[in-house]
Amino acid sequence: MVKSQKITWLLYHQPVELFLRTANSFAKEITRLTQGRIEVDIQTLEDYCNEHHGGKLVDPISLMDSGAVHMSQTQVGYIGHWGAEDFYALEMPFLFDSHAHATRVLEGEIGENMLNSLADNSPVRGLAFTYSGGFRCIASNKPITKATDLEGLHMTVKTNPVFTDTANALGCRTTALTEFSYRDYLDQVRDPNSETKASSDLFQTTAIRFNTDVDHNHMPYLFNSKHSMYLTSILVSESFWQMLTPEEQVQFKKAAFEAARLEREWSVRDGDEILKTVKIQSKMGIKAITEFDADQIDILKEKTQSVYKKYENIFTPGLLNDIRAA
């Protein structure tokens, strides 16, 4: 049994306010469920690393492996780097047709099996799936109004083989960024003296992450492609998890489930408000938002079938079909 203690939740991603509300929700619930035995100290990556690592950024899974950090929330693509390749499957193009579909997968047997399997290949266990804005869109330096507009453009993506292959299938050239080089990239594109911004035409994001991921002076347009889901996961150190009693493990799962469900609701609500409100778009620096008719979306779906052919033998057999059928 874990005696009364304060555990550390590391806020890994930007924008902090999006992930902070999830951490706060979990912290409040786990303290209630454990009758005050467990409290959560929420820290940003920068603050934690400035205090403990001389300002050098360290990834959260390594910190959970060492026992220095107990919990975090990170992107499913990043989790895939730790040997859990099935997590890449969740970012396949046009995999989810609605938020209800995603919920059936994430809260059902498929999602639970994926979360539990993390401990087999990494030092962490997954507790629940969250969003970072829901369906992805594409920021661009010019309006995207038809499928052929994407051909030949340069898209910057996070390091994830599915992202690169999807962009290539759409006819784009790509540059892949690691999680930390992405931070450097943002500093460069926002530096008025840097030429880095000129090398990229497109960037994957979500409506609520627009001002975090791109420089709106360079990419003021948003194409609401809904081509994949921006998913994250609440993680707990496996070594810490094994210290918990079965009752406490149930409490952690319950607190994470409730926080995750709230976070997904908040993400959808906030994203829809941006997409539907011109005044908010203007304040964010978005000049225009475009959407495709069904025939143009069908063209994109057809183009990305090559990605499915490539990965059908890489993921657990039947996983993609099971997700689509859920």
C-alpha atoms as a PDB file:
ATOM      1  CA  MET A   1       0.000   0.000   0.000  1.00  0.00           C
ATOM      2  CA  VAL A   2       1.188   3.486  -0.810  1.00  0.00           C
ATOM      3  CA  LYS A   3       1.173   5.535   2.374  1.00  0.00           C
ATOM      4  CA  SER A   4       0.187   9.172   2.352  1.00  0.00           C
ATOM      5  CA  GLN A   5       2.398  10.874  -0.191  1.00  0.00           C
ATOM      6  CA  LYS A   6       2.641  13.483  -2.908  1.00  0.00           C
ATOM      7  CA  ILE A   7       3.296  12.128  -6.389  1.00  0.00           C
ATOM      8  CA  THR A   8       4.627  14.065  -9.379  1.00  0.00           C
ATOM      9  CA  TRP A   9       2.653  14.529 -12.597  1.00  0.00           C
ATOM     10  CA  LEU A  10       4.834  15.964 -15.373  1.00  0.00           C
ATOM     11  CA  LEU A  11       3.176  18.270 -17.905  1.00  0.00           C
ATOM     12  CA  TYR A  12       5.103  17.288 -20.998  1.00  0.00           C
ATOM     13  CA  HIS A  13       3.327  18.987 -23.896  1.00  0.00           C
ATOM     14  CA  GLN A  14       2.309  22.448 -24.961  1.00  0.00           C
ATOM     15  CA  PRO A  15       0.028  24.315 -24.611  1.00  0.00           C
ATOM     16  CA  VAL A  16       0.267  23.824 -20.880  1.00  0.00           C
ATOM     17  CA  GLU A  17      -3.273  25.008 -20.160  1.00  0.00           C
ATOM     18  CA  LEU A  18      -4.779  22.147 -22.187  1.00  0.00           C
ATOM     19  CA  PHE A  19      -2.910  19.462 -20.288  1.00  0.00           C
ATOM     20  CA  LEU A  20      -3.064  21.243 -16.943  1.00  0.00           C
ATOM     21  CA  ARG A  21      -6.828  20.930 -16.702  1.00  0.00           C
ATOM     22  CA  THR A  22      -6.576  17.160 -17.236  1.00  0.00           C
ATOM     23  CA  ALA A  23      -3.934  16.850 -14.530  1.00  0.00           C
ATOM     24  CA  ASN A  24      -5.981  19.021 -12.162  1.00  0.00           C
ATOM     25  CA  SER A  25      -9.071  16.906 -12.767  1.00  0.00           C
ATOM     26  CA  PHE A  26      -7.173  13.701 -12.017  1.00  0.00           C
ATOM     27  CA  ALA A  27      -5.496  15.220  -8.959  1.00  0.00           C
ATOM     28  CA  LYS A  28      -8.794  16.309  -7.444  1.00  0.00           C
ATOM     29  CA  GLU A  29     -10.432  12.935  -8.032  1.00  0.00           C
ATOM     30  CA  ILE A  30      -7.567  10.735  -6.812  1.00  0.00           C
ATOM     31  CA  THR A  31      -7.259  12.788  -3.639  1.00  0.00           C
ATOM     32  CA  ARG A  32     -10.984  12.346  -3.061  1.00  0.00           C
ATOM     33  CA  LEU A  33     -10.972   8.626  -3.797  1.00  0.00           C
ATOM     34  CA  THR A  34      -7.989   7.956  -1.523  1.00  0.00           C
ATOM     35  CA  GLN A  35      -9.375  10.204   1.211  1.00  0.00           C
ATOM     36  CA  GLY A  36      -6.356  12.471   1.034  1.00  0.00           C
ATOM     37  CA  ARG A  37      -3.674   9.759   1.131  1.00  0.00           C
ATOM     38  CA  ILE A  38      -2.405  10.745  -2.321  1.00  0.00           C
ATOM     39  CA  GLU A  39      -1.868  14.271  -3.559  1.00  0.00           C
ATOM     40  CA  VAL A  40      -0.518  15.253  -6.961  1.00  0.00           C
ATOM     41  CA  ASP A  41       2.257  17.777  -7.528  1.00  0.00           C
ATOM     42  CA  ILE A  42       1.839  19.044 -11.106  1.00  0.00           C
ATOM     43  CA  GLN A  43       4.977  20.415 -12.775  1.00  0.00           C
ATOM     44  CA  THR A  44       5.846  21.560 -16.297  1.00  0.00           C
ATOM     45  CA  LEU A  45       8.709  19.835 -18.089  1.00  0.00           C
ATOM     46  CA  GLU A  46      10.710  23.055 -18.222  1.00  0.00           C
ATOM     47  CA  ASP A  47      10.316  23.800 -14.513  1.00  0.00           C
ATOM     48  CA  TYR A  48      11.114  20.238 -13.512  1.00  0.00           C
ATOM     49  CA  CYS A  49      14.214  20.011 -15.716  1.00  0.00           C
ATOM     50  CA  ASN A  50      15.457  23.436 -14.642  1.00  0.00           C
ATOM     51  CA  GLU A  51      15.259  22.277 -11.034  1.00  0.00           C
ATOM     52  CA  HIS A  52      16.661  18.766 -11.464  1.00  0.00           C
ATOM     53  CA  HIS A  53      18.601  18.574 -14.751  1.00  0.00           C
ATOM     54  CA  GLY A  54      20.256  21.933 -15.193  1.00  0.00           C
ATOM     55  CA  GLY A  55      17.698  22.969 -17.781  1.00  0.00           C
ATOM     56  CA  LYS A  56      18.340  19.979 -20.072  1.00  0.00           C
ATOM     57  CA  LEU A  57      15.013  18.563 -21.235  1.00  0.00           C
ATOM     58  CA  VAL A  58      14.464  14.889 -20.428  1.00  0.00           C
ATOM     59  CA  ASP A  59      11.635  12.802 -21.829  1.00  0.00           C
ATOM     60  CA  PRO A  60       8.905  11.819 -19.354  1.00  0.00           C
ATOM     61  CA  ILE A  61       9.052   8.069 -19.936  1.00  0.00           C
ATOM     62  CA  SER A  62      12.733   8.024 -18.981  1.00  0.00           C
ATOM     63  CA  LEU A  63      11.869  10.006 -15.861  1.00  0.00           C
ATOM     64  CA  MET A  64       9.097   7.545 -14.980  1.00  0.00           C
ATOM     65  CA  ASP A  65      11.518   4.678 -15.623  1.00  0.00           C
ATOM     66  CA  SER A  66      13.936   6.147 -13.082  1.00  0.00           C
ATOM     67  CA  GLY A  67      11.171   6.653 -10.524  1.00  0.00           C
ATOM     68  CA  ALA A  68      11.722  10.414 -10.432  1.00  0.00           C
ATOM     69  CA  VAL A  69       8.288  11.090 -11.927  1.00  0.00           C
ATOM     70  CA  HIS A  70       5.146   9.058 -11.264  1.00  0.00           C
ATOM     71  CA  MET A  71       2.746  10.158 -14.003  1.00  0.00           C
ATOM     72  CA  SER A  72       2.500  12.094 -17.257  1.00  0.00           C
ATOM     73  CA  GLN A  73       0.379  12.494 -20.356  1.00  0.00           C
ATOM     74  CA  THR A  74       1.923  12.131 -23.789  1.00  0.00           C
ATOM     75  CA  GLN A  75       1.134  11.573 -27.456  1.00  0.00           C
ATOM     76  CA  VAL A  76       0.363   8.057 -28.640  1.00  0.00           C
ATOM     77  CA  GLY A  77       2.905   8.424 -31.442  1.00  0.00           C
ATOM     78  CA  TYR A  78       5.624   9.105 -28.896  1.00  0.00           C
ATOM     79  CA  ILE A  79       4.569   6.007 -26.986  1.00  0.00           C
ATOM     80  CA  GLY A  80       5.056   4.043 -30.197  1.00  0.00           C
ATOM     81  CA  HIS A  81       8.771   4.866 -30.067  1.00  0.00           C
ATOM     82  CA  TRP A  82       9.048   2.727 -26.930  1.00  0.00           C
ATOM     83  CA  GLY A  83       8.316  -0.536 -28.707  1.00  0.00           C
ATOM     84  CA  ALA A  84       4.532  -0.281 -28.541  1.00  0.00           C
ATOM     85  CA  GLU A  85       4.113  -0.060 -32.320  1.00  0.00           C
ATOM     86  CA  ASP A  86       0.362  -0.707 -32.150  1.00  0.00           C
ATOM     87  CA  PHE A  87      -0.040   2.822 -30.774  1.00  0.00           C
ATOM     88  CA  TYR A  88       0.976   4.122 -34.207  1.00  0.00           C
ATOM     89  CA  ALA A  89      -2.171   2.430 -35.525  1.00  0.00           C
ATOM     90  CA  LEU A  90      -4.324   4.987 -33.730  1.00  0.00           C
ATOM     91  CA  GLU A  91      -2.911   7.710 -35.993  1.00  0.00           C
ATOM     92  CA  MET A  92      -3.651   6.015 -39.289  1.00  0.00           C
ATOM     93  CA  PRO A  93      -5.361   8.278 -41.858  1.00  0.00           C
ATOM     94  CA  PHE A  94      -9.157   8.440 -41.808  1.00  0.00           C
ATOM     95  CA  LEU A  95      -9.337   5.634 -39.241  1.00  0.00           C
ATOM     96  CA  PHE A  96     -12.089   7.158 -37.073  1.00  0.00           C
ATOM     97  CA  ASP A  97     -15.301   8.398 -38.634  1.00  0.00           C
ATOM     98  CA  SER A  98     -16.623  10.195 -35.533  1.00  0.00           C
ATOM     99  CA  HIS A  99     -15.898  10.957 -31.895  1.00  0.00           C
ATOM    100  CA  ALA A 100     -18.442   8.306 -30.914  1.00  0.00           C
ATOM    101  CA  HIS A 101     -16.460   5.772 -32.939  1.00  0.00           C
ATOM    102  CA  ALA A 102     -13.234   6.839 -31.224  1.00  0.00           C
ATOM    103  CA  THR A 103     -14.866   6.537 -27.800  1.00  0.00           C
ATOM    104  CA  ARG A 104     -15.986   2.975 -28.509  1.00  0.00           C
ATOM    105  CA  VAL A 105     -12.387   2.081 -29.341  1.00  0.00           C
ATOM    106  CA  LEU A 106     -10.611   4.062 -26.631  1.00  0.00           C
ATOM    107  CA  GLU A 107     -12.939   3.079 -23.776  1.00  0.00           C
ATOM    108  CA  GLY A 108     -13.598  -0.451 -25.027  1.00  0.00           C
ATOM    109  CA  GLU A 109     -11.672  -3.703 -25.126  1.00  0.00           C
ATOM    110  CA  ILE A 110      -9.326  -2.550 -27.890  1.00  0.00           C
ATOM    111  CA  GLY A 111      -8.200   0.514 -25.979  1.00  0.00           C
ATOM    112  CA  GLU A 112      -7.928  -1.312 -22.658  1.00  0.00           C
ATOM    113  CA  ASN A 113      -5.762  -4.036 -24.177  1.00  0.00           C
ATOM    114  CA  MET A 114      -3.459  -1.445 -25.719  1.00  0.00           C
ATOM    115  CA  LEU A 115      -3.108   0.483 -22.479  1.00  0.00           C
ATOM    116  CA  ASN A 116      -2.325  -2.646 -20.463  1.00  0.00           C
ATOM    117  CA  SER A 117       0.147  -3.930 -23.050  1.00  0.00           C
ATOM    118  CA  LEU A 118       2.405  -0.903 -22.572  1.00  0.00           C
ATOM    119  CA  ALA A 119       3.905  -2.421 -19.447  1.00  0.00           C
ATOM    120  CA  ASP A 120       5.123  -5.377 -21.540  1.00  0.00           C
ATOM    121  CA  ASN A 121       7.401  -3.162 -23.646  1.00  0.00           C
ATOM    122  CA  SER A 122       8.067  -0.053 -21.602  1.00  0.00           C
ATOM    123  CA  PRO A 123       8.466   1.203 -18.015  1.00  0.00           C
ATOM    124  CA  VAL A 124       4.973   2.719 -18.011  1.00  0.00           C
ATOM    125  CA  ARG A 125       1.343   1.625 -17.982  1.00  0.00           C
ATOM    126  CA  GLY A 126      -1.452   3.397 -19.818  1.00  0.00           C
ATOM    127  CA  LEU A 127      -4.483   4.436 -17.783  1.00  0.00           C
ATOM    128  CA  ALA A 128      -6.733   6.224 -20.278  1.00  0.00           C
ATOM    129  CA  PHE A 129      -6.808   7.913 -23.675  1.00  0.00           C
ATOM    130  CA  THR A 130      -7.155  11.654 -24.052  1.00  0.00           C
ATOM    131  CA  TYR A 131      -7.237  14.151 -26.930  1.00  0.00           C
ATOM    132  CA  SER A 132      -5.144  17.138 -27.770  1.00  0.00           C
ATOM    133  CA  GLY A 133      -7.897  18.762 -29.754  1.00  0.00           C
ATOM    134  CA  GLY A 134      -9.565  15.786 -31.397  1.00  0.00           C
ATOM    135  CA  PHE A 135      -9.565  15.537 -35.187  1.00  0.00           C
ATOM    136  CA  ARG A 136      -6.483  16.956 -36.860  1.00  0.00           C
ATOM    137  CA  CYS A 137      -6.458  19.723 -39.395  1.00  0.00           C
ATOM    138  CA  ILE A 138      -3.663  21.175 -41.519  1.00  0.00           C
ATOM    139  CA  ALA A 139      -2.283  24.694 -41.166  1.00  0.00           C
ATOM    140  CA  SER A 140      -1.018  26.110 -44.443  1.00  0.00           C
ATOM    141  CA  ASN A 141       0.535  29.178 -46.041  1.00  0.00           C
ATOM    142  CA  LYS A 142      -2.199  29.275 -48.682  1.00  0.00           C
ATOM    143  CA  PRO A 143      -5.807  28.053 -48.840  1.00  0.00           C
ATOM    144  CA  ILE A 144      -6.265  24.328 -49.509  1.00  0.00           C
ATOM    145  CA  THR A 145      -9.504  23.937 -51.453  1.00  0.00           C
ATOM    146  CA  LYS A 146      -9.073  20.642 -53.328  1.00  0.00           C
ATOM    147  CA  ALA A 147      -7.066  17.438 -52.986  1.00  0.00           C
ATOM    148  CA  THR A 148      -4.542  18.355 -55.666  1.00  0.00           C
ATOM    149  CA  ASP A 149      -3.591  21.536 -53.768  1.00  0.00           C
ATOM    150  CA  LEU A 150      -1.547  19.376 -51.378  1.00  0.00           C
ATOM    151  CA  GLU A 151       0.639  17.868 -54.078  1.00  0.00           C
ATOM    152  CA  GLY A 152       4.225  19.059 -54.053  1.00  0.00           C
ATOM    153  CA  LEU A 153       3.883  21.089 -50.853  1.00  0.00           C
ATOM    154  CA  HIS A 154       6.258  20.640 -47.919  1.00  0.00           C
ATOM    155  CA  MET A 155       4.692  19.346 -44.704  1.00  0.00           C
ATOM    156  CA  THR A 156       6.492  19.363 -41.357  1.00  0.00           C
ATOM    157  CA  VAL A 157       5.407  16.462 -39.146  1.00  0.00           C
ATOM    158  CA  LYS A 158       6.308  15.034 -35.764  1.00  0.00           C
ATOM    159  CA  THR A 159       8.574  11.977 -35.892  1.00  0.00           C
ATOM    160  CA  ASN A 160       6.122   9.174 -36.533  1.00  0.00           C
ATOM    161  CA  PRO A 161       6.392   6.885 -39.570  1.00  0.00           C
ATOM    162  CA  VAL A 162       2.623   6.950 -40.103  1.00  0.00           C
ATOM    163  CA  PHE A 163       2.655  10.758 -40.348  1.00  0.00           C
ATOM    164  CA  THR A 164       5.443  10.724 -42.919  1.00  0.00           C
ATOM    165  CA  ASP A 165       3.857   7.989 -44.995  1.00  0.00           C
ATOM    166  CA  THR A 166       0.454   9.689 -44.887  1.00  0.00           C
ATOM    167  CA  ALA A 167       1.858  13.031 -46.015  1.00  0.00           C
ATOM    168  CA  ASN A 168       3.833  11.325 -48.801  1.00  0.00           C
ATOM    169  CA  ALA A 169       0.689   9.476 -49.914  1.00  0.00           C
ATOM    170  CA  LEU A 170      -1.078  12.837 -50.194  1.00  0.00           C
ATOM    171  CA  GLY A 171       1.696  14.020 -52.503  1.00  0.00           C
ATOM    172  CA  CYS A 172       3.636  16.115 -49.989  1.00  0.00           C
ATOM    173  CA  ARG A 173       7.325  16.363 -49.305  1.00  0.00           C
ATOM    174  CA  THR A 174       8.097  15.990 -45.591  1.00  0.00           C
ATOM    175  CA  THR A 175      10.424  16.933 -42.778  1.00  0.00           C
ATOM    176  CA  ALA A 176      10.087  14.926 -39.557  1.00  0.00           C
ATOM    177  CA  LEU A 177      10.817  16.498 -36.175  1.00  0.00           C
ATOM    178  CA  THR A 178      11.563  14.741 -32.922  1.00  0.00           C
ATOM    179  CA  GLU A 179       9.653  15.898 -29.861  1.00  0.00           C
ATOM    180  CA  PHE A 180      12.504  18.123 -28.711  1.00  0.00           C
ATOM    181  CA  SER A 181      13.599  19.334 -32.155  1.00  0.00           C
ATOM    182  CA  TYR A 182       9.969  20.422 -32.586  1.00  0.00           C
ATOM    183  CA  ARG A 183      10.494  22.879 -29.726  1.00  0.00           C
ATOM    184  CA  ASP A 184      13.580  24.233 -31.480  1.00  0.00           C
ATOM    185  CA  TYR A 185      11.635  24.437 -34.734  1.00  0.00           C
ATOM    186  CA  LEU A 186       8.942  26.577 -33.096  1.00  0.00           C
ATOM    187  CA  ASP A 187      11.569  28.960 -31.751  1.00  0.00           C
ATOM    188  CA  GLN A 188      13.028  29.295 -35.240  1.00  0.00           C
ATOM    189  CA  VAL A 189       9.791  29.825 -37.150  1.00  0.00           C
ATOM    190  CA  ARG A 190       8.789  32.547 -34.693  1.00  0.00           C
ATOM    191  CA  ASP A 191      12.143  34.310 -35.035  1.00  0.00           C
ATOM    192  CA  PRO A 192      11.661  37.093 -37.639  1.00  0.00           C
ATOM    193  CA  ASN A 193      15.328  36.704 -38.661  1.00  0.00           C
ATOM    194  CA  SER A 194      15.071  32.963 -39.297  1.00  0.00           C
ATOM    195  CA  GLU A 195      14.556  31.455 -42.749  1.00  0.00           C
ATOM    196  CA  THR A 196      13.248  28.150 -41.339  1.00  0.00           C
ATOM    197  CA  LYS A 197       9.627  29.215 -41.793  1.00  0.00           C
ATOM    198  CA  ALA A 198      10.106  29.444 -45.547  1.00  0.00           C
ATOM    199  CA  SER A 199      10.963  25.747 -45.822  1.00  0.00           C
ATOM    200  CA  SER A 200       7.534  24.498 -44.768  1.00  0.00           C
ATOM    201  CA  ASP A 201       4.116  25.007 -46.331  1.00  0.00           C
ATOM    202  CA  LEU A 202       1.993  22.777 -44.079  1.00  0.00           C
ATOM    203  CA  PHE A 203       1.836  21.606 -40.485  1.00  0.00           C
ATOM    204  CA  GLN A 204      -0.465  19.071 -38.820  1.00  0.00           C
ATOM    205  CA  THR A 205      -2.320  20.494 -35.840  1.00  0.00           C
ATOM    206  CA  THR A 206      -5.776  20.813 -34.287  1.00  0.00           C
ATOM    207  CA  ALA A 207      -7.924  23.904 -34.008  1.00  0.00           C
ATOM    208  CA  ILE A 208      -7.138  24.411 -30.324  1.00  0.00           C
ATOM    209  CA  ARG A 209      -3.393  23.859 -30.895  1.00  0.00           C
ATOM    210  CA  PHE A 210      -3.128  26.263 -33.841  1.00  0.00           C
ATOM    211  CA  ASN A 211      -1.352  29.063 -31.966  1.00  0.00           C
ATOM    212  CA  THR A 212       0.930  26.566 -30.245  1.00  0.00           C
ATOM    213  CA  ASP A 213       2.041  24.616 -33.303  1.00  0.00           C
ATOM    214  CA  VAL A 214       2.457  27.257 -35.996  1.00  0.00           C
ATOM    215  CA  ASP A 215       3.365  30.869 -36.659  1.00  0.00           C
ATOM    216  CA  HIS A 216       0.080  32.330 -37.904  1.00  0.00           C
ATOM    217  CA  ASN A 217       1.979  35.010 -39.808  1.00  0.00           C
ATOM    218  CA  HIS A 218       3.414  32.265 -42.017  1.00  0.00           C
ATOM    219  CA  MET A 219       0.562  29.722 -41.959  1.00  0.00           C
ATOM    220  CA  PRO A 220      -2.686  31.680 -41.447  1.00  0.00           C
ATOM    221  CA  TYR A 221      -4.979  29.168 -43.182  1.00  0.00           C
ATOM    222  CA  LEU A 222      -6.569  26.065 -41.744  1.00  0.00           C
ATOM    223  CA  PHE A 223      -7.780  23.066 -43.751  1.00  0.00           C
ATOM    224  CA  ASN A 224     -10.209  21.076 -41.587  1.00  0.00           C
ATOM    225  CA  SER A 225      -9.154  17.738 -43.069  1.00  0.00           C
ATOM    226  CA  LYS A 226     -10.126  15.526 -40.089  1.00  0.00           C
ATOM    227  CA  HIS A 227      -7.604  13.067 -41.485  1.00  0.00           C
ATOM    228  CA  SER A 228      -6.558  11.599 -38.135  1.00  0.00           C
ATOM    229  CA  MET A 229      -7.177  11.926 -34.416  1.00  0.00           C
ATOM    230  CA  TYR A 230      -4.734  13.742 -32.144  1.00  0.00           C
ATOM    231  CA  LEU A 231      -4.590  11.258 -29.266  1.00  0.00           C
ATOM    232  CA  THR A 232      -2.663  11.313 -26.025  1.00  0.00           C
ATOM    233  CA  SER A 233      -2.601   8.973 -23.047  1.00  0.00           C
ATOM    234  CA  ILE A 234      -2.381   9.293 -19.281  1.00  0.00           C
ATOM    235  CA  LEU A 235       0.610   7.229 -18.164  1.00  0.00           C
ATOM    236  CA  VAL A 236       1.779   5.928 -14.796  1.00  0.00           C
ATOM    237  CA  SER A 237       5.170   4.504 -13.861  1.00  0.00           C
ATOM    238  CA  GLU A 238       4.884   0.716 -13.803  1.00  0.00           C
ATOM    239  CA  SER A 239       7.170   0.450 -10.777  1.00  0.00           C
ATOM    240  CA  PHE A 240       4.923   2.865  -8.868  1.00  0.00           C
ATOM    241  CA  TRP A 241       1.817   1.038 -10.102  1.00  0.00           C
ATOM    242  CA  GLN A 242       3.092  -2.211  -8.607  1.00  0.00           C
ATOM    243  CA  MET A 243       3.389  -0.495  -5.219  1.00  0.00           C
ATOM    244  CA  LEU A 244      -0.339   0.248  -5.206  1.00  0.00           C
ATOM    245  CA  THR A 245      -2.861  -2.106  -3.659  1.00  0.00           C
ATOM    246  CA  PRO A 246      -5.538  -3.579  -5.962  1.00  0.00           C
ATOM    247  CA  GLU A 247      -8.011  -1.095  -4.452  1.00  0.00           C
ATOM    248  CA  GLU A 248      -5.692   1.831  -5.164  1.00  0.00           C
ATOM    249  CA  GLN A 249      -5.122   0.622  -8.714  1.00  0.00           C
ATOM    250  CA  VAL A 250      -8.875   0.657  -9.266  1.00  0.00           C
ATOM    251  CA  GLN A 251      -8.997   4.182  -7.865  1.00  0.00           C
ATOM    252  CA  PHE A 252      -6.223   5.358 -10.196  1.00  0.00           C
ATOM    253  CA  LYS A 253      -8.001   3.837 -13.187  1.00  0.00           C
ATOM    254  CA  LYS A 254     -11.279   5.470 -12.189  1.00  0.00           C
ATOM    255  CA  ALA A 255      -9.704   8.905 -11.675  1.00  0.00           C
ATOM    256  CA  ALA A 256      -7.884   8.654 -15.021  1.00  0.00           C
ATOM    257  CA  PHE A 257     -11.023   7.470 -16.839  1.00  0.00           C
ATOM    258  CA  GLU A 258     -13.061  10.391 -15.527  1.00  0.00           C
ATOM    259  CA  ALA A 259     -10.322  12.931 -16.273  1.00  0.00           C
ATOM    260  CA  ALA A 260      -9.865  11.535 -19.783  1.00  0.00           C
ATOM    261  CA  ARG A 261     -13.564  11.620 -20.586  1.00  0.00           C
ATOM    262  CA  LEU A 262     -13.775  15.234 -19.402  1.00  0.00           C
ATOM    263  CA  GLU A 263     -10.689  16.186 -21.400  1.00  0.00           C
ATOM    264  CA  ARG A 264     -12.089  14.754 -24.608  1.00  0.00           C
ATOM    265  CA  GLU A 265     -15.352  16.632 -24.052  1.00  0.00           C
ATOM    266  CA  TRP A 266     -13.452  19.876 -23.437  1.00  0.00           C
ATOM    267  CA  SER A 267     -11.322  19.374 -26.543  1.00  0.00           C
ATOM    268  CA  VAL A 268     -14.316  18.782 -28.808  1.00  0.00           C
ATOM    269  CA  ARG A 269     -16.204  21.738 -27.345  1.00  0.00           C
ATOM    270  CA  ASP A 270     -13.254  24.133 -27.627  1.00  0.00           C
ATOM    271  CA  GLY A 271     -12.349  22.973 -31.122  1.00  0.00           C
ATOM    272  CA  ASP A 272     -15.906  23.347 -32.392  1.00  0.00           C
ATOM    273  CA  GLU A 273     -16.108  26.840 -30.939  1.00  0.00           C
ATOM    274  CA  ILE A 274     -13.015  27.885 -32.882  1.00  0.00           C
ATOM    275  CA  LEU A 275     -14.147  26.263 -36.120  1.00  0.00           C
ATOM    276  CA  LYS A 276     -17.572  27.921 -35.933  1.00  0.00           C
ATOM    277  CA  THR A 277     -16.701  31.402 -34.628  1.00  0.00           C
ATOM    278  CA  VAL A 278     -15.113  33.882 -37.022  1.00  0.00           C
ATOM    279  CA  LYS A 279     -14.328  36.351 -34.226  1.00  0.00           C
ATOM    280  CA  ILE A 280     -12.250  33.743 -32.381  1.00  0.00           C
ATOM    281  CA  GLN A 281     -10.509  32.727 -35.606  1.00  0.00           C
ATOM    282  CA  SER A 282      -9.564  36.338 -36.286  1.00  0.00           C
ATOM    283  CA  LYS A 283      -8.162  36.746 -32.781  1.00  0.00           C
ATOM    284  CA  MET A 284      -6.023  33.627 -33.285  1.00  0.00           C
ATOM    285  CA  GLY A 285      -4.704  34.895 -36.603  1.00  0.00           C
ATOM    286  CA  ILE A 286      -6.619  32.412 -38.749  1.00  0.00           C
ATOM    287  CA  LYS A 287      -7.520  34.045 -42.077  1.00  0.00           C
ATOM    288  CA  ALA A 288      -9.798  31.306 -43.352  1.00  0.00           C
ATOM    289  CA  ILE A 289     -10.875  27.721 -42.695  1.00  0.00           C
ATOM    290  CA  THR A 290     -11.672  25.410 -45.590  1.00  0.00           C
ATOM    291  CA  GLU A 291     -13.406  22.029 -45.712  1.00  0.00           C
ATOM    292  CA  PHE A 292     -13.706  19.513 -48.522  1.00  0.00           C
ATOM    293  CA  ASP A 293     -16.832  18.116 -50.109  1.00  0.00           C
ATOM    294  CA  ALA A 294     -17.281  14.356 -49.784  1.00  0.00           C
ATOM    295  CA  ASP A 295     -15.831  13.686 -53.251  1.00  0.00           C
ATOM    296  CA  GLN A 296     -12.562  15.453 -52.410  1.00  0.00           C
ATOM    297  CA  ILE A 297     -12.302  13.626 -49.074  1.00  0.00           C
ATOM    298  CA  ASP A 298     -12.822  10.367 -50.963  1.00  0.00           C
ATOM    299  CA  ILE A 299      -9.831  11.254 -53.119  1.00  0.00           C
ATOM    300  CA  LEU A 300      -7.671  11.698 -50.004  1.00  0.00           C
ATOM    301  CA  LYS A 301      -8.936   8.420 -48.562  1.00  0.00           C
ATOM    302  CA  GLU A 302      -8.097   6.613 -51.776  1.00  0.00           C
ATOM    303  CA  LYS A 303      -4.603   8.116 -51.836  1.00  0.00           C
ATOM    304  CA  THR A 304      -3.905   6.945 -48.284  1.00  0.00           C
ATOM    305  CA  GLN A 305      -4.922   3.329 -48.881  1.00  0.00           C
ATOM    306  CA  SER A 306      -1.248   2.710 -49.649  1.00  0.00           C
ATOM    307  CA  VAL A 307      -0.487   3.475 -45.997  1.00  0.00           C
ATOM    308  CA  TYR A 308      -2.848   0.706 -44.905  1.00  0.00           C
ATOM    309  CA  LYS A 309      -1.213  -1.749 -47.292  1.00  0.00           C
ATOM    310  CA  LYS A 310       2.190  -0.918 -45.833  1.00  0.00           C
ATOM    311  CA  TYR A 311       1.190  -1.311 -42.185  1.00  0.00           C
ATOM    312  CA  GLU A 312      -1.289  -4.183 -42.288  1.00  0.00           C
ATOM    313  CA  ASN A 313       1.497  -6.672 -41.446  1.00  0.00           C
ATOM    314  CA  ILE A 314       3.275  -4.410 -38.958  1.00  0.00           C
ATOM    315  CA  PHE A 315       0.507  -3.986 -36.387  1.00  0.00           C
ATOM    316  CA  THR A 316      -1.099  -6.832 -34.466  1.00  0.00           C
ATOM    317  CA  PRO A 317      -3.035  -8.881 -37.042  1.00  0.00           C
ATOM    318  CA  GLY A 318      -6.614  -7.689 -37.336  1.00  0.00           C
ATOM    319  CA  LEU A 319      -6.118  -4.559 -35.204  1.00  0.00           C
ATOM    320  CA  LEU A 320      -6.954  -2.035 -37.914  1.00  0.00           C
ATOM    321  CA  ASN A 321     -10.010  -4.004 -39.024  1.00  0.00           C
ATOM    322  CA  ASP A 322     -11.196  -4.283 -35.420  1.00  0.00           C
ATOM    323  CA  ILE A 323     -10.829  -0.527 -34.905  1.00  0.00           C
ATOM    324  CA  ARG A 324     -12.692   0.284 -38.100  1.00  0.00           C
ATOM    325  CA  ALA A 325     -15.475  -2.141 -37.225  1.00  0.00           C
ATOM    326  CA  ALA A 326     -15.912  -0.930 -33.632  1.00  0.00           C
END
